[in-house]
């Protein structure tokens, strides 16, 4: 299952062995992104549980550190880049691609990443007392349905890993994962998980208007935004 291995390699920092893969395998890897999310979710839920044995804040901090470590800050980097690109868009939309390609981070990016980490820390602290470990595990799974939706609904902003992975997205696969999300939400009695659907739609609309299309950074930032929206829903809709 090369696409599955590639999905986990790309979306996590697990030390998996390198494999020989064709472009078709990379394209199909997007279909397995939610499974990679399950790996992330297990790390988060386990860290939250272990830390909460001492104190809820310790659980929240442990979960956040695990979240950042297992993903290698990949999606946070995308969030920072999109924030910087959005800040540049009001001056010159032609600069968006240049800003996204710039390895340096600006004030908009720093602010967005800082606020995101604070939001996740506080929401994790509240979620530890209001929801279950299984619901926390499901958050990264649901958020990684997003790349399928955004690839199918938005034009590619430029060639890159986002467009390479996106070539394997199909509506039937997307529908299967969304149906699975409804099943998980029902089984866990956690309707807050379904908040990912409006969050994905709003993110797609915002990207189209502000950025003009989808890219790898757009996927990463969208995953971060969707995860935070679900955490908030789990806390306030419990």
Protein backbone atom coordinates (compact mmCIF):
# COMPACT_ATOMS: atom_id res chain seq x y z
CA UNK A 1 0.00 0.00 0.00
CA UNK A 2 2.43 2.64 -1.20
CA UNK A 3 -0.13 5.50 -1.21
CA UNK A 4 -0.94 4.83 2.46
CA UNK A 5 2.72 4.80 3.45
CA UNK A 6 3.32 8.00 1.49
CA UNK A 7 0.35 9.66 3.19
CA UNK A 8 1.68 8.82 6.65
CA UNK A 9 5.23 9.84 5.67
CA UNK A 10 4.07 13.20 4.35
CA UNK A 11 1.58 14.07 7.09
CA UNK A 12 3.61 12.88 10.08
CA UNK A 13 7.18 12.69 11.25
CA UNK A 14 7.17 8.97 11.94
CA UNK A 15 10.52 7.42 10.91
CA UNK A 16 9.18 5.21 8.13
CA UNK A 17 11.56 3.68 5.57
CA UNK A 18 11.86 5.32 2.15
CA UNK A 19 10.00 3.59 -0.68
CA UNK A 20 10.13 3.77 -4.45
CA UNK A 21 6.95 5.44 -5.64
CA UNK A 22 5.56 6.68 -8.93
CA UNK A 23 3.64 9.91 -9.45
CA UNK A 24 0.43 7.87 -9.46
CA UNK A 25 1.22 6.65 -5.95
CA UNK A 26 1.68 10.23 -4.72
CA UNK A 27 -1.62 11.23 -6.32
CA UNK A 28 -3.48 8.41 -4.61
CA UNK A 29 -1.89 9.23 -1.23
CA UNK A 30 -4.43 12.01 -0.66
CA UNK A 31 -7.12 9.36 -0.33
CA UNK A 32 -5.37 8.12 2.80
CA UNK A 33 -4.77 11.46 4.51
CA UNK A 34 -7.51 10.76 7.12
CA UNK A 35 -5.69 7.56 8.10
CA UNK A 36 -2.56 9.65 8.66
CA UNK A 37 -4.82 11.84 10.78
CA UNK A 38 -5.64 8.81 12.91
CA UNK A 39 -1.93 8.43 13.70
CA UNK A 40 -1.81 12.10 14.73
CA UNK A 41 -5.01 11.68 16.75
CA UNK A 42 -3.67 8.71 18.69
CA UNK A 43 -0.60 10.70 19.72
CA UNK A 44 -2.72 13.67 20.80
CA UNK A 45 -5.26 11.63 22.73
CA UNK A 46 -2.56 9.58 24.43
CA UNK A 47 -0.60 12.67 25.46
CA UNK A 48 -3.73 14.41 26.73
CA UNK A 49 -4.71 11.39 28.80
CA UNK A 50 -1.22 10.96 30.28
CA UNK A 51 -0.81 14.64 31.11
CA UNK A 52 -4.30 14.94 32.56
CA UNK A 53 -3.44 12.29 35.15
CA UNK A 54 -1.47 15.09 36.81
CA UNK A 55 -3.48 18.18 35.82
CA UNK A 56 -5.81 19.27 32.97
CA UNK A 57 -3.41 22.02 31.92
CA UNK A 58 -0.56 19.51 31.84
CA UNK A 59 -2.75 17.33 29.63
CA UNK A 60 -3.49 20.22 27.29
CA UNK A 61 0.16 21.19 27.02
CA UNK A 62 1.25 17.59 26.46
CA UNK A 63 -1.39 17.18 23.74
CA UNK A 64 -0.34 20.40 22.01
CA UNK A 65 3.34 19.46 22.10
CA UNK A 66 2.49 16.03 20.68
CA UNK A 67 0.37 17.69 17.97
CA UNK A 68 3.22 19.93 16.88
CA UNK A 69 5.86 17.21 17.14
CA UNK A 70 4.06 14.47 15.22
CA UNK A 71 3.18 16.84 12.35
CA UNK A 72 6.55 18.58 12.35
CA UNK A 73 4.77 21.95 12.34
CA UNK A 74 3.95 21.25 8.67
CA UNK A 75 0.45 22.71 8.81
CA UNK A 76 1.46 25.59 11.06
CA UNK A 77 4.00 26.55 8.41
CA UNK A 78 1.21 26.61 5.84
CA UNK A 79 -0.92 28.75 8.14
CA UNK A 80 1.88 31.27 8.52
CA UNK A 81 2.50 31.41 4.77
CA UNK A 82 -1.18 31.89 3.97
CA UNK A 83 -1.44 34.64 6.59
CA UNK A 84 1.52 36.47 5.05
CA UNK A 85 0.11 36.00 1.54
CA UNK A 86 -3.26 37.31 2.64
CA UNK A 87 -1.58 40.37 4.14
CA UNK A 88 0.19 41.04 0.83
CA UNK A 89 -2.90 40.42 -1.31
CA UNK A 90 -4.52 43.78 -0.55
CA UNK A 91 -1.49 45.55 -2.03
CA UNK A 92 -0.77 43.40 -5.07
CA UNK A 93 -2.43 40.05 -5.81
CA UNK A 94 0.45 39.20 -8.14
CA UNK A 95 2.71 38.96 -5.07
CA UNK A 96 0.77 36.07 -3.55
CA UNK A 97 2.80 33.30 -5.21
CA UNK A 98 6.06 35.10 -4.40
CA UNK A 99 5.11 35.43 -0.74
CA UNK A 100 4.07 31.77 -0.54
CA UNK A 101 7.42 30.73 -2.02
CA UNK A 102 9.41 32.90 0.40
CA UNK A 103 10.95 30.72 3.17
CA UNK A 104 10.92 33.65 5.59
CA UNK A 105 7.96 34.44 7.80
CA UNK A 106 6.44 37.85 8.32
CA UNK A 107 4.49 39.53 11.10
CA UNK A 108 1.13 38.25 9.80
CA UNK A 109 2.45 34.68 9.85
CA UNK A 110 3.93 34.95 13.33
CA UNK A 111 0.68 36.37 14.68
CA UNK A 112 -1.44 33.68 13.04
CA UNK A 113 0.73 30.83 14.33
CA UNK A 114 0.87 32.32 17.83
CA UNK A 115 -2.90 32.75 18.02
CA UNK A 116 -3.44 29.26 16.65
CA UNK A 117 -1.24 27.67 19.31
CA UNK A 118 -2.93 29.67 22.07
CA UNK A 119 -6.38 28.73 20.79
CA UNK A 120 -5.53 25.04 20.60
CA UNK A 121 -3.99 25.05 24.09
CA UNK A 122 -7.03 26.66 25.71
CA UNK A 123 -9.52 24.54 23.75
CA UNK A 124 -7.63 21.35 24.56
CA UNK A 125 -7.71 22.30 28.24
CA UNK A 126 -11.50 22.70 28.07
CA UNK A 127 -11.97 19.63 25.88
CA UNK A 128 -10.20 17.38 28.37
CA UNK A 129 -13.07 17.99 30.79
CA UNK A 130 -15.95 18.13 28.31
CA UNK A 131 -15.26 15.42 25.74
CA UNK A 132 -13.73 11.97 25.36
CA UNK A 133 -10.30 10.85 24.23
CA UNK A 134 -11.89 9.15 21.23
CA UNK A 135 -13.43 12.45 20.13
CA UNK A 136 -10.02 14.12 20.36
CA UNK A 137 -8.56 11.27 18.32
CA UNK A 138 -11.19 11.85 15.63
CA UNK A 139 -10.42 15.57 15.19
CA UNK A 140 -7.28 15.15 13.02
CA UNK A 141 -9.00 12.39 11.04
CA UNK A 142 -11.93 14.62 10.12
CA UNK A 143 -9.74 17.64 9.36
CA UNK A 144 -7.77 15.66 6.77
CA UNK A 145 -10.88 15.11 4.69
CA UNK A 146 -10.44 18.80 3.90
CA UNK A 147 -7.69 18.40 1.26
CA UNK A 148 -10.01 16.15 -0.74
CA UNK A 149 -12.79 18.75 -0.62
CA UNK A 150 -10.53 21.71 -1.43
CA UNK A 151 -8.79 19.93 -4.28
CA UNK A 152 -12.14 19.13 -5.88
CA UNK A 153 -13.64 22.59 -5.43
CA UNK A 154 -10.75 25.02 -5.93
CA UNK A 155 -8.36 25.67 -8.84
CA UNK A 156 -4.67 24.93 -8.19
CA UNK A 157 -2.76 28.09 -7.37
CA UNK A 158 0.53 26.82 -8.80
CA UNK A 159 2.29 23.52 -9.53
CA UNK A 160 3.65 21.78 -6.45
CA UNK A 161 3.06 19.02 -3.93
CA UNK A 162 -0.50 20.22 -3.44
CA UNK A 163 -1.38 19.68 -7.09
CA UNK A 164 0.58 16.39 -7.22
CA UNK A 165 -1.37 14.90 -4.35
CA UNK A 166 -4.59 16.50 -5.52
CA UNK A 167 -4.59 14.57 -8.79
CA UNK A 168 -5.85 11.51 -6.91
CA UNK A 169 -8.88 13.14 -5.31
CA UNK A 170 -12.31 11.97 -6.46
CA UNK A 171 -15.84 12.73 -5.34
CA UNK A 172 -16.66 9.07 -4.54
CA UNK A 173 -13.65 8.82 -2.20
CA UNK A 174 -14.56 12.15 -0.62
CA UNK A 175 -18.16 10.96 -0.10
CA UNK A 176 -16.95 7.76 1.56
CA UNK A 177 -14.87 9.69 4.08
CA UNK A 178 -17.69 12.14 4.80
CA UNK A 179 -20.08 9.24 5.35
CA UNK A 180 -17.50 7.73 7.69
CA UNK A 181 -17.32 11.04 9.56
CA UNK A 182 -21.07 10.98 10.16
CA UNK A 183 -20.77 7.41 11.44
CA UNK A 184 -17.95 8.33 13.83
CA UNK A 185 -19.85 11.38 15.07
CA UNK A 186 -22.95 9.29 15.72
CA UNK A 187 -21.04 6.45 17.37
CA UNK A 188 -19.23 8.84 19.72
CA UNK A 189 -22.27 11.07 20.30
CA UNK A 190 -20.04 13.99 19.29
CA UNK A 191 -21.92 16.25 16.86
CA UNK A 192 -19.14 18.80 17.25
CA UNK A 193 -17.01 16.72 14.87
CA UNK A 194 -19.40 17.68 12.07
CA UNK A 195 -18.27 21.30 12.50
CA UNK A 196 -15.47 20.39 10.12
CA UNK A 197 -17.93 20.46 7.19
CA UNK A 198 -18.95 24.14 7.43
CA UNK A 199 -15.36 25.00 8.39
CA UNK A 200 -14.11 23.36 5.18
CA UNK A 201 -16.71 25.18 3.10
CA UNK A 202 -15.94 28.58 4.64
CA UNK A 203 -12.21 27.99 4.18
CA UNK A 204 -12.74 27.15 0.50
CA UNK A 205 -14.76 30.33 -0.03
CA UNK A 206 -12.19 32.46 1.77
CA UNK A 207 -9.29 30.97 -0.20
CA UNK A 208 -11.06 31.54 -3.51
CA UNK A 209 -11.77 35.19 -2.70
CA UNK A 210 -8.57 36.12 -0.93
CA UNK A 211 -5.87 33.86 -2.39
CA UNK A 212 -7.43 32.70 -5.65
CA UNK A 213 -6.96 28.95 -5.37
CA UNK A 214 -5.51 26.03 -3.43
CA UNK A 215 -1.89 25.12 -2.77
CA UNK A 216 0.02 22.98 -0.31
CA UNK A 217 0.06 25.92 2.10
CA UNK A 218 -3.69 26.33 1.69
CA UNK A 219 -4.20 22.68 2.58
CA UNK A 220 -2.00 22.93 5.67
CA UNK A 221 -3.59 26.14 6.89
CA UNK A 222 -7.05 24.73 6.24
CA UNK A 223 -6.30 21.66 8.31
CA UNK A 224 -5.21 23.88 11.21
CA UNK A 225 -8.31 26.07 10.96
CA UNK A 226 -10.61 23.07 10.69
CA UNK A 227 -9.05 21.35 13.71
CA UNK A 228 -9.53 24.45 15.84
CA UNK A 229 -13.14 24.82 14.69
CA UNK A 230 -13.85 21.24 15.70
CA UNK A 231 -12.19 21.65 19.09
CA UNK A 232 -14.33 24.72 19.72
CA UNK A 233 -17.46 22.84 18.67
CA UNK A 234 -16.60 19.90 20.92
CA UNK A 235 -16.19 22.28 23.84
CA UNK A 236 -19.15 24.59 23.33
CA UNK A 237 -21.65 22.10 21.88
CA UNK A 238 -21.11 19.42 24.52
